[in-house]
């Protein structure tokens, strides 16, 4: 049985709603089982049954484009075996057929990658008509059939799987890379809806090596269509003293992978992706210097966020990181007044958690450089200590003690500057 093979036991045929159904476990659960990985998703295909028969068994239909049902007890997803036929350009241009005559092989043939086109029956037998097991062994991401080219979302999915399986050394098959390039050249990627692009991007950023997602998109030409602000970073030089990796695109990828290492939070990883976008528009005559790249990057953060309807929490942190990462790195060189300005501009007093996220994103920027991965980032602790000192200033007491209301902001600011200087003895003789 499935349970004996290491996949969590699930109701296949026995009693209940699935009794007598020809049911197969498919997709991620089978792939992850064969890779020896823990699986968290269980999807089933049911063959030889109608929509009406599923409803009569108590399943609840949830799919709009094709029949997908939730099991009345486990809430697992059961889909009727189906075929798809391309009828129009883009993501939605498909005609779906799901009826009792569709076979399991028909259903597997429409899937994107060979490693996702493997099924398992209730006795633990593997059904693998497209060589998915061999590709798992060879660590190859390969399309099942030319029908891959009919759905541009599959480029995003493949790139996401590259990020998910990067630690195992998976590579994209040459013929699949060539097919994706043809899809991009044909304009298929231009038909992707923003919400789906963000959905796949966010999931890829959640992987342990998200850089692979963007590198696969770049190799196919899709990154230049979807995220030209990121794509143009490659080939832009930086000062070798501070960036041994030199290339700005390489740096960006090191930073998002470091952010993934430091934090599971999507906001931090998106901020890491966006923090240096302004370097892609640095005037050639000042390279490899990037003076003013922070300000140049801000409109790009807003453009990407608007284009893909990025959640506000991600947009806000990316904006702050882009604007402030230079100052965060150079805390030891800043005047007390500049430090206080950073706190005020980032709303650190009211939103200390977001300020902490900013520090983590900046640490990822610092350590995401050639040879810097294991270096300490003491700047973050300095900022934490200074914020704690300034937060301890009792603004309410100062306000009550001041008889002239117009002087209250000045008195509070003076007290906060004094707190910063006290927390940083080296500032005691430095002008504010």
Protein backbone atom coordinates (compact mmCIF):
# COMPACT_ATOMS: atom_id res chain seq x y z
CA UNK A 1 0.00 0.00 0.00
CA UNK A 2 0.99 3.65 -0.33
CA UNK A 3 1.67 3.99 3.39
CA UNK A 4 4.21 1.17 3.26
CA UNK A 5 6.15 3.03 0.57
CA UNK A 6 6.66 6.11 2.70
CA UNK A 7 3.78 8.22 1.42
CA UNK A 8 1.25 9.18 4.04
CA UNK A 9 -1.62 6.71 4.02
CA UNK A 10 -4.70 8.08 2.27
CA UNK A 11 -8.16 6.64 1.51
CA UNK A 12 -7.83 5.02 -1.89
CA UNK A 13 -10.44 2.37 -2.42
CA UNK A 14 -11.79 0.98 0.85
CA UNK A 15 -14.95 2.22 2.49
CA UNK A 16 -16.45 5.64 2.11
CA UNK A 17 -16.73 8.12 -0.73
CA UNK A 18 -13.92 6.57 -2.81
CA UNK A 19 -15.11 2.95 -2.63
CA UNK A 20 -15.11 1.38 -6.08
CA UNK A 21 -13.46 4.36 -7.79
CA UNK A 22 -10.43 3.96 -10.08
CA UNK A 23 -8.21 6.46 -8.29
CA UNK A 24 -4.55 7.36 -8.63
CA UNK A 25 -2.20 9.55 -6.63
CA UNK A 26 -0.50 11.96 -9.03
CA UNK A 27 1.85 14.92 -9.28
CA UNK A 28 3.87 16.28 -6.40
CA UNK A 29 3.16 13.53 -3.89
CA UNK A 30 4.52 10.83 -6.21
CA UNK A 31 7.47 12.94 -7.32
CA UNK A 32 8.46 13.82 -3.76
CA UNK A 33 8.02 10.21 -2.60
CA UNK A 34 10.38 8.99 -5.33
CA UNK A 35 12.89 11.68 -4.33
CA UNK A 36 12.64 10.61 -0.69
CA UNK A 37 11.17 13.94 0.34
CA UNK A 38 8.33 14.71 2.70
CA UNK A 39 5.24 15.69 0.79
CA UNK A 40 2.53 18.13 1.82
CA UNK A 41 0.25 17.95 -1.18
CA UNK A 42 -1.96 15.02 -2.16
CA UNK A 43 -3.76 15.20 -5.48
CA UNK A 44 -5.77 12.42 -7.03
CA UNK A 45 -7.08 11.63 -10.49
CA UNK A 46 -10.28 9.65 -10.87
CA UNK A 47 -10.86 7.70 -14.09
CA UNK A 48 -14.11 6.46 -15.63
CA UNK A 49 -16.63 8.50 -13.65
CA UNK A 50 -18.89 11.50 -14.27
CA UNK A 51 -19.39 14.77 -12.43
CA UNK A 52 -22.82 13.62 -11.32
CA UNK A 53 -21.43 10.41 -9.86
CA UNK A 54 -18.87 12.33 -7.83
CA UNK A 55 -21.50 14.68 -6.46
CA UNK A 56 -23.69 11.72 -5.57
CA UNK A 57 -20.85 10.35 -3.42
CA UNK A 58 -20.73 13.56 -1.38
CA UNK A 59 -17.76 15.23 -3.09
CA UNK A 60 -17.95 19.03 -3.34
CA UNK A 61 -17.06 20.54 -6.70
CA UNK A 62 -14.67 23.51 -6.55
CA UNK A 63 -13.17 23.74 -10.03
CA UNK A 64 -14.64 26.24 -12.46
CA UNK A 65 -12.52 25.51 -15.53
CA UNK A 66 -12.49 21.75 -15.02
CA UNK A 67 -14.04 19.31 -12.53
CA UNK A 68 -12.10 19.27 -9.26
CA UNK A 69 -13.72 17.97 -6.08
CA UNK A 70 -12.99 17.96 -2.37
CA UNK A 71 -13.33 14.68 -0.52
CA UNK A 72 -16.20 14.95 2.00
CA UNK A 73 -14.00 13.74 4.87
CA UNK A 74 -10.31 14.43 4.13
CA UNK A 75 -10.80 17.56 1.94
CA UNK A 76 -8.13 16.21 -0.44
CA UNK A 77 -8.49 17.20 -4.08
CA UNK A 78 -9.83 14.70 -6.60
CA UNK A 79 -9.90 15.70 -10.26
CA UNK A 80 -11.55 13.86 -13.09
CA UNK A 81 -9.10 12.66 -15.73
CA UNK A 82 -9.08 15.27 -18.48
CA UNK A 83 -7.58 16.42 -21.75
CA UNK A 84 -6.86 19.99 -22.86
CA UNK A 85 -6.88 21.54 -26.31
CA UNK A 86 -5.44 24.95 -27.15
CA UNK A 87 -8.08 27.23 -28.67
CA UNK A 88 -6.67 30.76 -28.22
CA UNK A 89 -3.43 32.51 -27.19
CA UNK A 90 -2.47 32.92 -23.56
CA UNK A 91 -3.23 31.37 -20.23
CA UNK A 92 -7.00 30.96 -20.52
CA UNK A 93 -7.23 29.77 -24.13
CA UNK A 94 -8.01 26.10 -23.48
CA UNK A 95 -10.90 23.74 -24.07
CA UNK A 96 -11.08 21.07 -21.36
CA UNK A 97 -12.64 17.66 -21.80
CA UNK A 98 -13.37 15.61 -18.66
CA UNK A 99 -15.58 12.59 -19.21
CA UNK A 100 -15.54 8.87 -18.33
CA UNK A 101 -13.75 7.91 -21.57
CA UNK A 102 -10.56 9.89 -20.72
CA UNK A 103 -7.81 7.50 -19.61
CA UNK A 104 -5.08 7.98 -17.02
CA UNK A 105 -2.51 8.06 -19.85
CA UNK A 106 -4.53 10.82 -21.55
CA UNK A 107 -4.43 12.82 -18.33
CA UNK A 108 -0.70 12.34 -17.74
CA UNK A 109 0.08 13.34 -21.34
CA UNK A 110 -1.27 16.88 -20.78
CA UNK A 111 1.00 17.56 -17.79
CA UNK A 112 3.96 19.93 -17.90
CA UNK A 113 7.08 18.01 -16.84
CA UNK A 114 7.91 14.32 -16.98
CA UNK A 115 8.68 14.30 -13.24
CA UNK A 116 5.12 15.51 -12.62
CA UNK A 117 3.54 13.01 -15.01
CA UNK A 118 3.92 9.96 -12.79
CA UNK A 119 1.00 8.23 -11.06
CA UNK A 120 0.70 5.63 -8.32
CA UNK A 121 -2.20 3.26 -7.75
CA UNK A 122 -3.61 2.03 -4.45
CA UNK A 123 -1.21 -0.92 -4.42
CA UNK A 124 1.85 1.29 -4.77
CA UNK A 125 2.46 0.50 -8.43
CA UNK A 126 4.05 3.28 -10.50
CA UNK A 127 2.56 4.35 -13.83
CA UNK A 128 5.21 6.32 -15.72
CA UNK A 129 4.56 6.51 -19.48
CA UNK A 130 6.88 9.51 -20.10
CA UNK A 131 10.11 8.53 -18.38
CA UNK A 132 9.67 10.67 -15.29
CA UNK A 133 11.57 8.27 -13.04
CA UNK A 134 14.57 8.31 -15.36
CA UNK A 135 14.54 12.12 -15.34
CA UNK A 136 14.34 12.12 -11.55
CA UNK A 137 17.44 9.93 -11.48
CA UNK A 138 19.22 12.12 -14.04
CA UNK A 139 18.11 15.32 -12.27
CA UNK A 140 16.51 16.74 -15.43
CA UNK A 141 13.51 19.02 -15.88
CA UNK A 142 12.00 18.01 -19.23
CA UNK A 143 8.65 18.80 -20.88
CA UNK A 144 6.26 15.92 -21.51
CA UNK A 145 5.21 16.88 -25.03
CA UNK A 146 5.08 19.82 -27.47
CA UNK A 147 1.80 20.76 -25.75
CA UNK A 148 4.01 22.39 -23.08
CA UNK A 149 4.21 25.37 -25.45
CA UNK A 150 0.46 25.92 -25.27
CA UNK A 151 0.53 27.33 -21.73
CA UNK A 152 2.99 30.13 -20.80
CA UNK A 153 2.41 29.50 -17.09
CA UNK A 154 4.47 26.35 -17.56
CA UNK A 155 7.60 28.46 -18.03
CA UNK A 156 7.00 29.97 -14.59
CA UNK A 157 6.25 26.57 -13.06
CA UNK A 158 9.38 25.01 -14.51
CA UNK A 159 11.48 27.90 -13.20
CA UNK A 160 9.89 27.44 -9.77
CA UNK A 161 10.66 23.72 -9.78
CA UNK A 162 14.26 24.59 -10.67
CA UNK A 163 14.40 26.68 -7.49
CA UNK A 164 12.68 24.01 -5.40
CA UNK A 165 14.96 21.21 -6.58
CA UNK A 166 18.19 23.22 -6.88
CA UNK A 167 19.75 21.50 -3.88
CA UNK A 168 19.49 18.19 -5.76
CA UNK A 169 21.22 19.55 -8.83
CA UNK A 170 18.32 19.57 -11.28
CA UNK A 171 18.97 21.18 -14.67
CA UNK A 172 16.64 22.12 -17.52
CA UNK A 173 16.86 19.83 -20.55
CA UNK A 174 18.35 21.54 -23.60
CA UNK A 175 15.30 20.81 -25.74
CA UNK A 176 13.05 22.28 -23.06
CA UNK A 177 15.18 25.43 -22.87
CA UNK A 178 14.92 25.78 -26.64
CA UNK A 179 11.16 25.30 -26.52
CA UNK A 180 10.76 28.00 -23.87
CA UNK A 181 12.80 30.44 -25.94
CA UNK A 182 10.51 29.81 -28.90
CA UNK A 183 7.49 30.42 -26.67
CA UNK A 184 8.93 33.74 -25.52
CA UNK A 185 9.75 34.75 -29.09
CA UNK A 186 6.17 33.93 -30.08
CA UNK A 187 4.83 36.35 -27.45
CA UNK A 188 3.18 33.71 -25.25
CA UNK A 189 4.69 35.18 -22.07
CA UNK A 190 3.10 38.55 -22.85
CA UNK A 191 -0.33 37.00 -22.30
CA UNK A 192 0.36 36.03 -18.67
CA UNK A 193 -1.95 37.64 -16.14
CA UNK A 194 -0.16 39.67 -13.41
CA UNK A 195 -1.72 37.77 -10.52
CA UNK A 196 -0.40 34.43 -11.80
CA UNK A 197 3.09 35.81 -12.37
CA UNK A 198 3.19 37.11 -8.79
CA UNK A 199 1.79 33.85 -7.45
CA UNK A 200 4.60 31.85 -9.04
CA UNK A 201 7.24 34.45 -8.18
CA UNK A 202 6.17 34.53 -4.54
CA UNK A 203 6.26 30.74 -4.33
CA UNK A 204 9.71 30.70 -5.92
CA UNK A 205 10.96 33.32 -3.46
CA UNK A 206 9.83 30.94 -0.75
CA UNK A 207 12.28 28.25 -1.88
CA UNK A 208 15.76 27.78 -0.43
CA UNK A 209 17.51 28.90 -3.65
CA UNK A 210 15.16 31.39 -5.34
CA UNK A 211 17.90 32.64 -7.67
CA UNK A 212 17.32 29.58 -9.88
CA UNK A 213 13.83 30.83 -10.72
CA UNK A 214 15.13 34.11 -12.11
CA UNK A 215 18.10 32.51 -13.85
CA UNK A 216 15.87 30.03 -15.71
CA UNK A 217 13.57 32.87 -16.75
CA UNK A 218 16.59 34.85 -17.91
CA UNK A 219 17.95 31.95 -19.96
CA UNK A 220 14.60 31.62 -21.74
CA UNK A 221 14.26 35.35 -22.40
CA UNK A 222 11.15 35.54 -20.21
CA UNK A 223 12.81 37.67 -17.53
CA UNK A 224 13.40 40.49 -20.01
CA UNK A 225 9.67 40.48 -20.82
CA UNK A 226 8.35 40.13 -17.29
CA UNK A 227 10.99 41.88 -15.14
CA UNK A 228 13.20 44.02 -17.38
CA UNK A 229 14.25 45.98 -14.29
CA UNK A 230 15.93 42.83 -12.94
CA UNK A 231 17.11 41.46 -16.28
CA UNK A 232 19.14 44.58 -17.09
CA UNK A 233 21.29 44.16 -13.97
CA UNK A 234 23.42 41.48 -15.61
CA UNK A 235 26.52 42.87 -17.26
CA UNK A 236 26.53 46.03 -15.13
CA UNK A 237 29.87 46.28 -13.25
CA UNK A 238 30.37 47.28 -9.62
CA UNK A 239 33.49 48.33 -7.76
CA UNK A 240 35.48 45.16 -7.13
CA UNK A 241 36.67 46.36 -3.71
CA UNK A 242 33.14 46.12 -2.34
CA UNK A 243 31.76 43.57 -4.79
CA UNK A 244 34.24 40.82 -5.64
CA UNK A 245 31.56 39.24 -7.85
CA UNK A 246 31.58 42.52 -9.90
CA UNK A 247 28.43 41.78 -11.94
CA UNK A 248 25.31 43.41 -10.47
CA UNK A 249 23.02 40.61 -11.67
CA UNK A 250 25.20 38.01 -9.96
CA UNK A 251 25.10 40.13 -6.79
CA UNK A 252 21.29 40.34 -6.92
CA UNK A 253 21.04 36.55 -7.07
CA UNK A 254 23.49 36.09 -4.19
CA UNK A 255 21.44 38.54 -2.13
CA UNK A 256 18.08 36.80 -2.60
CA UNK A 257 19.65 33.44 -1.79
CA UNK A 258 21.20 34.95 1.33
CA UNK A 259 17.83 36.47 2.26
CA UNK A 260 16.33 32.98 1.92
CA UNK A 261 19.01 31.69 4.26
CA UNK A 262 18.39 34.43 6.83
CA UNK A 263 14.59 34.59 6.88
CA UNK A 264 11.49 32.74 5.67
CA UNK A 265 9.58 36.02 5.24
CA UNK A 266 8.42 36.90 1.74
CA UNK A 267 8.74 40.63 2.40
CA UNK A 268 12.46 40.33 3.12
CA UNK A 269 13.11 38.18 0.06
CA UNK A 270 11.23 40.54 -2.26
CA UNK A 271 13.11 43.51 -0.78
CA UNK A 272 16.37 41.69 -1.44
CA UNK A 273 15.38 41.18 -5.07
CA UNK A 274 14.56 44.87 -5.55
CA UNK A 275 17.17 46.67 -3.46
CA UNK A 276 19.67 47.46 -6.26
CA UNK A 277 17.38 47.94 -9.27
CA UNK A 278 18.68 51.48 -9.73
CA UNK A 279 22.10 50.14 -10.67
CA UNK A 280 20.62 48.97 -13.95
CA UNK A 281 20.16 52.59 -15.01
CA UNK A 282 23.48 54.03 -13.81
CA UNK A 283 24.94 56.40 -16.44
CA UNK A 284 27.77 54.51 -18.21
CA UNK A 285 30.21 57.36 -17.71
CA UNK A 286 30.26 56.95 -13.91
CA UNK A 287 30.56 53.13 -13.81
CA UNK A 288 31.57 51.15 -11.80
CA UNK A 289 30.36 53.75 -9.28
CA UNK A 290 26.61 53.81 -8.70
CA UNK A 291 26.04 57.17 -7.05
CA UNK A 292 22.31 57.85 -6.64
CA UNK A 293 21.19 54.30 -7.44
CA UNK A 294 18.95 54.23 -4.38
CA UNK A 295 16.80 57.09 -5.66
CA UNK A 296 16.79 55.73 -9.22
CA UNK A 297 15.57 52.38 -7.95
CA UNK A 298 12.49 53.66 -6.12
CA UNK A 299 10.28 54.20 -9.22
CA UNK A 300 11.18 50.70 -10.38
CA UNK A 301 10.07 49.17 -7.09
CA UNK A 302 6.77 50.98 -7.45
CA UNK A 303 6.42 49.94 -11.10
CA UNK A 304 7.00 46.23 -10.40
CA UNK A 305 4.69 46.35 -7.39
CA UNK A 306 1.90 47.98 -9.38
CA UNK A 307 2.40 45.76 -12.43
CA UNK A 308 2.10 42.50 -10.50
CA UNK A 309 -0.16 43.78 -7.72
CA UNK A 310 2.41 42.95 -5.08
CA UNK A 311 1.04 43.03 -1.51
CA UNK A 312 1.60 46.36 0.23
CA UNK A 313 3.71 44.83 2.98
CA UNK A 314 6.19 43.60 0.36
CA UNK A 315 6.14 46.84 -1.60
CA UNK A 316 6.72 48.97 1.50
CA UNK A 317 9.72 46.98 2.73
CA UNK A 318 11.25 46.89 -0.77
CA UNK A 319 10.84 50.67 -0.98
CA UNK A 320 12.48 51.23 2.41
CA UNK A 321 15.33 48.81 1.69
CA UNK A 322 16.03 50.41 -1.67
CA UNK A 323 16.06 53.88 -0.15
CA UNK A 324 17.94 53.18 3.08
CA UNK A 325 20.33 50.24 2.60
CA UNK A 326 23.32 52.52 2.00
CA UNK A 327 22.76 54.39 5.25
CA UNK A 328 22.09 51.19 7.18
CA UNK A 329 25.46 49.80 6.05
CA UNK A 330 27.31 53.00 7.04
CA UNK A 331 25.87 53.53 10.52
CA UNK A 332 29.35 54.10 11.98
CA UNK A 333 29.84 57.07 9.64
CA UNK A 334 26.47 58.76 10.25
CA UNK A 335 25.74 61.77 12.41
CA UNK A 336 23.19 61.41 15.17
CA UNK A 337 20.75 63.58 13.23
CA UNK A 338 21.01 61.32 10.16
CA UNK A 339 20.41 58.25 12.31
CA UNK A 340 17.32 59.87 13.79
CA UNK A 341 16.15 60.77 10.29
CA UNK A 342 16.42 57.11 9.27
CA UNK A 343 14.30 56.09 12.24
CA UNK A 344 11.68 58.69 11.38
CA UNK A 345 11.60 57.95 7.63
CA UNK A 346 11.18 54.22 8.27
CA UNK A 347 8.56 54.78 10.99
CA UNK A 348 10.73 52.65 13.26
CA UNK A 349 9.14 53.86 16.50
CA UNK A 350 5.67 52.71 15.50
CA UNK A 351 6.73 49.75 13.36
CA UNK A 352 9.79 48.17 14.99
CA UNK A 353 9.11 44.76 13.42
CA UNK A 354 9.30 46.22 9.93
CA UNK A 355 12.52 48.00 10.86
CA UNK A 356 13.90 44.64 11.96
CA UNK A 357 12.94 43.23 8.56
CA UNK A 358 14.84 46.12 6.97
CA UNK A 359 17.95 45.19 8.96
CA UNK A 360 17.72 41.56 7.83
CA UNK A 361 17.32 42.60 4.19
CA UNK A 362 20.38 44.84 4.52
CA UNK A 363 22.36 42.01 6.09
CA UNK A 364 21.45 39.86 3.08
CA UNK A 365 22.75 42.65 0.83
CA UNK A 366 26.03 42.85 2.73
CA UNK A 367 26.61 39.10 2.90
CA UNK A 368 25.35 38.42 -0.63
CA UNK A 369 28.75 39.13 -2.17
CA UNK A 370 31.64 36.96 -3.27
CA UNK A 371 33.48 35.81 -0.15
CA UNK A 372 31.17 37.65 2.27
CA UNK A 373 28.66 34.91 3.06
CA UNK A 374 30.09 34.03 6.48
CA UNK A 375 31.10 37.52 7.53
CA UNK A 376 29.41 39.14 10.54
CA UNK A 377 27.13 42.15 10.09
CA UNK A 378 27.59 44.19 13.30
CA UNK A 379 25.73 47.16 11.82
CA UNK A 380 22.41 45.47 12.57
CA UNK A 381 23.18 45.22 16.29
CA UNK A 382 24.27 48.86 16.36
CA UNK A 383 20.95 49.93 14.85
CA UNK A 384 19.03 47.75 17.32
CA UNK A 385 20.88 49.30 20.25
CA UNK A 386 20.29 52.82 18.98
CA UNK A 387 16.58 52.19 18.37
CA UNK A 388 16.23 50.79 21.87
CA UNK A 389 17.89 53.90 23.30
CA UNK A 390 15.71 56.31 21.33
CA UNK A 391 12.54 54.37 22.10
CA UNK A 392 13.31 54.69 25.81
CA UNK A 393 12.94 58.49 25.56
CA UNK A 394 9.65 59.42 27.27
CA UNK A 395 8.12 61.78 24.72
CA UNK A 396 4.95 62.11 26.76
CA UNK A 397 6.82 63.30 29.85
CA UNK A 398 8.74 65.83 27.79
CA UNK A 399 5.50 67.15 26.31
CA UNK A 400 3.91 67.57 29.74
CA UNK A 401 6.96 69.34 31.11
CA UNK A 402 7.16 71.90 28.29
CA UNK A 403 5.02 75.02 28.80
CA UNK A 404 5.39 76.14 25.17
CA UNK A 405 3.57 73.64 22.90
CA UNK A 406 5.41 74.85 19.81
CA UNK A 407 8.70 73.79 21.39
CA UNK A 408 7.61 70.20 22.16
CA UNK A 409 8.84 68.64 18.86
CA UNK A 410 12.19 70.39 19.26
CA UNK A 411 12.57 69.16 22.85
CA UNK A 412 11.69 65.57 21.90
CA UNK A 413 14.12 65.60 18.99
CA UNK A 414 16.89 66.98 21.23
CA UNK A 415 16.26 64.22 23.78
CA UNK A 416 16.36 61.55 21.10
CA UNK A 417 19.61 62.92 19.67
CA UNK A 418 21.10 62.90 23.15
CA UNK A 419 20.01 59.27 23.59
CA UNK A 420 21.72 58.30 20.33
CA UNK A 421 24.94 60.03 21.36
CA UNK A 422 24.84 58.39 24.79
CA UNK A 423 24.38 54.97 23.19
CA UNK A 424 27.29 55.75 20.84
CA UNK A 425 30.11 57.25 22.96
CA UNK A 426 32.15 57.97 19.80
CA UNK A 427 29.46 60.51 18.86
CA UNK A 428 29.76 62.61 21.99
CA UNK A 429 32.04 65.08 20.23
CA UNK A 430 30.52 64.73 16.75
CA UNK A 431 28.18 67.50 15.55
CA UNK A 432 24.60 66.49 14.96
